[in-house]
Amino acid sequence: MVLVIMVISNLRNNGDIVKSVNVNKGVEQSVNLVYENNSGTLIKKGEDKNIEEIVNISDNIFAPISKGQKLGEVSYTLNGTSIGKTALIAESDIKKISIGTMIDKLFFKWFCVLR
């Protein structure tokens, strides 16, 4: 009789920050990407070291961005076999920069320099 012990491997939790990415033409210069859902799977004991995480993020991200907007995806493989996927979403809203916002920023920077 062969006894196979299976364990639940918790890969990532929703809300965990994956990476901060640059945002083009936004009021903020970057946005944090977080996991949309918890990721976990049932695997044989000791195989959790063989899990590979592949992160796919768009190269050019432009404002406006809504909180919860999908900006990428993470896939997990175990010995070449796909075992799960999770979307990467924006942690916060990023508004598109306007002429008024640019003038405000320029005025604020000049004010700080002249103090």
Protein backbone atom coordinates (compact mmCIF):
# COMPACT_ATOMS: atom_id res chain seq x y z
CA MET A 1 0.00 0.00 0.00
CA VAL A 2 1.33 3.42 -1.01
CA LEU A 3 0.39 6.39 1.13
CA VAL A 4 0.38 9.72 -0.69
CA ILE A 5 0.16 12.76 1.53
CA MET A 6 -1.47 15.77 -0.10
CA VAL A 7 -1.20 19.29 1.29
CA ILE A 8 -2.96 22.50 0.42
CA SER A 9 -0.43 25.00 -0.84
CA ASN A 10 -1.56 28.61 -0.40
CA LEU A 11 0.20 30.38 -3.25
CA ARG A 12 -0.93 34.00 -2.70
CA ASN A 13 -3.66 35.96 -0.91
CA ASN A 14 -5.92 38.53 -2.51
CA GLY A 15 -4.80 42.07 -1.83
CA ASP A 16 -1.09 41.12 -1.63
CA ILE A 17 0.99 43.62 -3.61
CA VAL A 18 2.83 42.02 -6.53
CA LYS A 19 4.56 44.98 -8.08
CA SER A 20 4.35 48.71 -8.62
CA VAL A 21 4.13 49.62 -12.32
CA ASN A 22 4.56 52.95 -14.12
CA VAL A 23 1.46 54.71 -15.43
CA ASN A 24 1.73 56.91 -18.53
CA LYS A 25 -0.18 60.22 -18.62
CA GLY A 26 -1.52 59.81 -15.09
CA VAL A 27 -1.77 62.14 -12.12
CA GLU A 28 0.18 59.50 -10.16
CA GLN A 29 3.31 58.03 -11.72
CA SER A 30 2.71 54.44 -10.57
CA VAL A 31 0.06 52.03 -9.32
CA ASN A 32 0.37 48.90 -7.19
CA LEU A 33 -0.83 45.63 -8.70
CA VAL A 34 -2.52 43.22 -6.29
CA TYR A 35 -3.90 39.69 -6.58
CA GLU A 36 -7.61 39.63 -7.38
CA ASN A 37 -8.28 36.30 -5.62
CA ASN A 38 -6.63 33.93 -3.19
CA SER A 39 -4.58 31.30 -4.99
CA GLY A 40 -4.12 27.80 -3.68
CA THR A 41 -3.97 24.22 -4.87
CA LEU A 42 -3.74 20.67 -3.62
CA ILE A 43 -0.32 19.11 -4.27
CA LYS A 44 1.86 16.28 -2.99
CA LYS A 45 3.88 17.06 0.11
CA GLY A 46 7.28 18.56 -0.77
CA GLU A 47 6.38 19.59 -4.33
CA ASP A 48 5.69 23.20 -3.36
CA LYS A 49 9.35 23.99 -4.13
CA ASN A 50 8.73 23.10 -7.81
CA ILE A 51 5.94 25.64 -8.32
CA GLU A 52 6.84 28.33 -10.85
CA GLU A 53 5.12 31.72 -10.85
CA ILE A 54 4.84 33.47 -14.25
CA VAL A 55 3.81 37.15 -14.14
CA ASN A 56 2.40 38.78 -17.31
CA ILE A 57 1.90 42.55 -17.12
CA SER A 58 1.08 44.97 -19.94
CA ASP A 59 4.12 46.97 -21.06
CA ASN A 60 2.31 50.26 -21.60
CA ILE A 61 -0.27 51.23 -19.00
CA PHE A 62 -2.08 54.51 -19.61
CA ALA A 63 -4.35 56.53 -17.33
CA PRO A 64 -7.21 56.65 -16.50
CA ILE A 65 -7.20 53.46 -14.40
CA SER A 66 -10.07 52.29 -12.22
CA LYS A 67 -9.58 50.50 -8.92
CA GLY A 68 -9.98 46.78 -9.63
CA GLN A 69 -9.15 47.09 -13.34
CA LYS A 70 -7.29 44.03 -14.67
CA LEU A 71 -3.76 44.98 -15.73
CA GLY A 72 -2.06 41.58 -15.82
CA GLU A 73 -2.18 37.93 -14.86
CA VAL A 74 -0.17 35.45 -12.81
CA SER A 75 -0.09 31.78 -13.78
CA TYR A 76 1.34 28.93 -11.72
CA THR A 77 2.92 25.78 -13.12
CA LEU A 78 4.14 22.61 -11.45
CA ASN A 79 6.59 20.59 -13.54
CA GLY A 80 5.29 22.24 -16.73
CA THR A 81 1.60 21.67 -15.91
CA SER A 82 -0.65 24.66 -15.27
CA ILE A 83 -2.14 24.55 -11.78
CA GLY A 84 -3.78 27.98 -11.51
CA LYS A 85 -4.21 31.56 -12.67
CA THR A 86 -5.03 34.81 -10.92
CA ALA A 87 -5.69 38.27 -12.34
CA LEU A 88 -3.58 41.25 -11.26
CA ILE A 89 -5.71 44.32 -10.61
CA ALA A 90 -5.05 47.99 -9.83
CA GLU A 91 -5.05 48.81 -6.12
CA SER A 92 -6.31 52.36 -6.62
CA ASP A 93 -7.80 54.82 -9.12
CA ILE A 94 -5.44 56.88 -11.27
CA LYS A 95 -6.90 59.88 -13.08
CA LYS A 96 -5.60 61.11 -16.41
CA ILE A 97 -3.46 64.22 -16.12
CA SER A 98 -4.98 67.41 -17.52
CA ILE A 99 -3.62 70.85 -18.29
CA GLY A 100 -5.09 72.17 -15.03
CA THR A 101 -3.38 69.42 -13.04
CA MET A 102 -0.06 70.10 -14.77
CA ILE A 103 -0.31 73.83 -13.95
CA ASP A 104 -1.11 73.03 -10.31
CA LYS A 105 1.91 70.73 -10.05
CA LEU A 106 4.19 73.30 -11.70
CA PHE A 107 2.94 76.07 -9.39
CA PHE A 108 3.42 73.84 -6.32
CA LYS A 109 6.98 72.93 -7.35
CA TRP A 110 7.90 76.59 -7.94
CA PHE A 111 6.37 77.53 -4.60
CA CYS A 112 8.47 74.85 -2.84
CA VAL A 113 11.65 76.04 -4.59
CA LEU A 114 11.09 79.68 -3.67
CA ARG A 115 10.35 79.06 0.03
